[in-house]
Protein backbone atom coordinates (compact mmCIF):
# COMPACT_ATOMS: atom_id res chain seq x y z
CA MET A 1 -12.13 47.66 11.75
CA THR A 2 -10.39 46.94 15.03
CA PRO A 3 -7.64 44.31 15.14
CA GLU A 4 -9.73 41.87 17.19
CA LYS A 5 -12.56 42.02 14.62
CA ARG A 6 -10.33 41.68 11.58
CA PRO A 7 -10.90 38.41 9.73
CA ALA A 8 -8.01 36.02 9.95
CA GLY A 9 -5.90 35.75 6.83
CA PRO A 10 -5.18 32.47 5.11
CA LEU A 11 -3.24 29.96 7.12
CA VAL A 12 0.27 29.68 5.76
CA ILE A 13 2.16 26.47 6.36
CA ARG A 14 5.76 26.49 5.24
CA SER A 15 7.20 23.53 3.38
CA GLU A 16 9.37 22.64 6.41
CA GLN A 17 6.23 22.46 8.54
CA MET A 18 4.46 20.28 5.96
CA LYS A 19 7.44 17.95 5.87
CA ALA A 20 7.44 17.70 9.67
CA LEU A 21 3.69 17.01 9.69
CA GLY A 22 4.16 14.34 7.04
CA GLU A 23 6.99 12.72 8.96
CA ALA A 24 4.93 12.73 12.16
CA SER A 25 2.03 11.14 10.31
CA VAL A 26 4.26 8.44 8.82
CA ALA A 27 5.81 7.75 12.24
CA SER A 28 2.35 7.46 13.78
CA PHE A 29 1.28 5.07 11.01
CA GLU A 30 4.44 3.00 11.50
CA ASP A 31 3.73 2.71 15.23
CA ARG A 32 0.09 1.68 14.69
CA VAL A 33 0.82 -0.87 11.99
CA LEU A 34 3.76 -2.26 13.96
CA ARG A 35 1.50 -2.98 16.95
CA GLN A 36 -1.22 -4.47 14.77
CA THR A 37 1.24 -6.65 12.86
CA ALA A 38 2.99 -7.85 16.01
CA THR A 39 -0.40 -8.97 17.33
CA ALA A 40 -1.63 -10.53 14.08
CA TYR A 41 1.65 -12.25 13.16
CA PRO A 42 3.48 -12.99 16.42
CA ASP A 43 5.77 -15.66 14.92
CA GLN A 44 6.97 -13.39 12.13
CA TYR A 45 7.31 -10.49 14.56
CA SER A 46 9.34 -12.64 16.92
CA GLU A 47 11.65 -13.64 14.07
CA MET A 48 12.03 -10.12 12.65
CA GLY A 49 12.01 -8.13 15.87
CA GLU A 50 10.84 -4.55 16.13
CA SER A 51 13.66 -3.06 14.07
CA GLY A 52 13.21 -5.64 11.31
CA LEU A 53 9.49 -5.06 11.14
CA ARG A 54 9.96 -1.26 11.13
CA SER A 55 12.37 -1.67 8.25
CA LEU A 56 9.85 -3.83 6.37
CA ILE A 57 7.10 -1.27 7.03
CA ARG A 58 9.28 1.47 5.54
CA ARG A 59 10.01 -0.66 2.49
CA ALA A 60 6.28 -1.39 2.15
CA ILE A 61 5.54 2.35 2.24
CA LYS A 62 8.21 3.00 -0.40
CA THR A 63 6.95 0.14 -2.60
CA ALA A 64 3.36 1.31 -2.19
CA ARG A 65 4.21 4.87 -3.22
CA ALA A 66 6.11 3.62 -6.26
CA HIS A 67 3.01 1.74 -7.40
CA GLY A 68 0.41 4.42 -6.68
CA ILE A 69 -0.90 2.91 -3.46
CA ASP A 70 -1.48 6.00 -1.35
CA THR A 71 -3.84 5.02 1.45
CA GLU A 72 -2.94 3.67 4.86
CA GLY A 73 -5.25 0.71 4.30
CA GLY A 74 -3.58 -0.10 0.99
CA VAL A 75 -0.12 0.06 2.54
CA ALA A 76 -1.28 -2.15 5.43
CA VAL A 77 -2.59 -4.78 3.00
CA LEU A 78 0.63 -4.64 0.99
CA LEU A 79 2.62 -5.10 4.21
CA GLU A 80 0.49 -8.10 5.18
CA LEU A 81 1.08 -9.70 1.77
CA MET A 82 4.81 -8.98 2.03
CA ILE A 83 4.93 -10.68 5.44
CA LEU A 84 3.02 -13.72 4.24
CA PHE A 85 4.40 -14.09 0.73
CA GLY A 86 7.69 -12.17 0.55
CA GLU A 87 8.53 -8.64 -0.48
CA LYS A 88 8.14 -9.52 -4.15
CA PHE A 89 5.53 -12.20 -3.49
CA GLU A 90 8.20 -14.83 -4.12
CA ARG A 91 6.38 -17.34 -1.88
CA SER A 92 3.13 -17.03 -3.83
CA PRO A 93 2.12 -18.99 -6.91
CA GLU A 94 0.67 -15.69 -8.17
CA ARG A 95 3.97 -13.78 -7.93
CA LYS A 96 4.34 -13.02 -11.64
CA TRP A 97 0.74 -11.86 -11.98
CA ALA A 98 0.92 -9.82 -8.74
CA ASN A 99 4.08 -7.99 -9.77
CA GLU A 100 2.63 -7.24 -13.21
CA MET A 101 -0.52 -5.92 -11.54
CA LEU A 102 1.56 -3.63 -9.30
CA ARG A 103 3.32 -2.19 -12.35
CA ASP A 104 0.06 -1.44 -14.21
CA PRO A 105 -0.02 2.36 -14.49
CA ASP A 106 -3.69 2.48 -15.48
CA LEU A 107 -5.18 0.96 -12.31
CA PRO A 108 -5.74 2.93 -9.11
CA GLY A 109 -3.40 1.88 -6.31
CA LEU A 110 -6.04 0.68 -3.88
CA LEU A 111 -7.74 -1.40 -6.57
CA LYS A 112 -4.40 -3.03 -7.45
CA ILE A 113 -3.70 -4.13 -3.92
CA ARG A 114 -7.25 -5.36 -3.33
CA LEU A 115 -7.16 -7.47 -6.50
CA ILE A 116 -3.74 -8.85 -5.62
CA ARG A 117 -4.84 -9.74 -2.09
CA GLU A 118 -8.04 -11.37 -3.30
CA ARG A 119 -6.30 -13.51 -5.92
CA ILE A 120 -3.38 -14.57 -3.73
CA MET A 121 -5.57 -15.37 -0.74
CA SER A 122 -7.99 -17.29 -2.94
CA SER A 123 -5.28 -19.40 -4.55
CA THR A 124 -3.41 -20.11 -1.30
CA GLN A 125 -6.18 -19.92 1.32
CA GLY A 126 -3.87 -17.38 3.00
CA ARG A 127 -0.97 -19.77 3.47
CA PRO A 128 2.48 -19.18 1.97
CA VAL A 129 3.69 -21.94 -0.28
CA VAL A 130 6.94 -22.18 1.68
CA PRO A 131 7.49 -21.26 5.36
CA TYR A 132 8.28 -17.69 6.33
CA SER A 133 11.93 -16.72 6.50
CA ALA A 134 13.31 -13.30 7.40
CA SER A 135 16.12 -13.57 4.89
């Protein structure tokens, strides 16, 4: 068999390359969700600024991972809830229930966040109980 007709071997991606790909993907996600959030929540964005919102996005990603939420959509919903109701849902009447739901190891991550969003939005009609504050 000539070299040009030889089947290609398996593609090998080194761990450093995987890490770089992962970091690029996270950075791309951060950029997309930052733009979307700035448009959807201009008052909160104005108060937090780009660096504050980026920091919140990173904390949302970290919180999501800790609770088994592993999709971009799930992280985006968690971020939205954090913006509206606080990082630990402290501005929601459903805060205790929501935090218990997040800690439930038996529920899939995306289901957790969907149930939390549905219950909080239903009980508050999407409005925080107290005004937003970037404290």
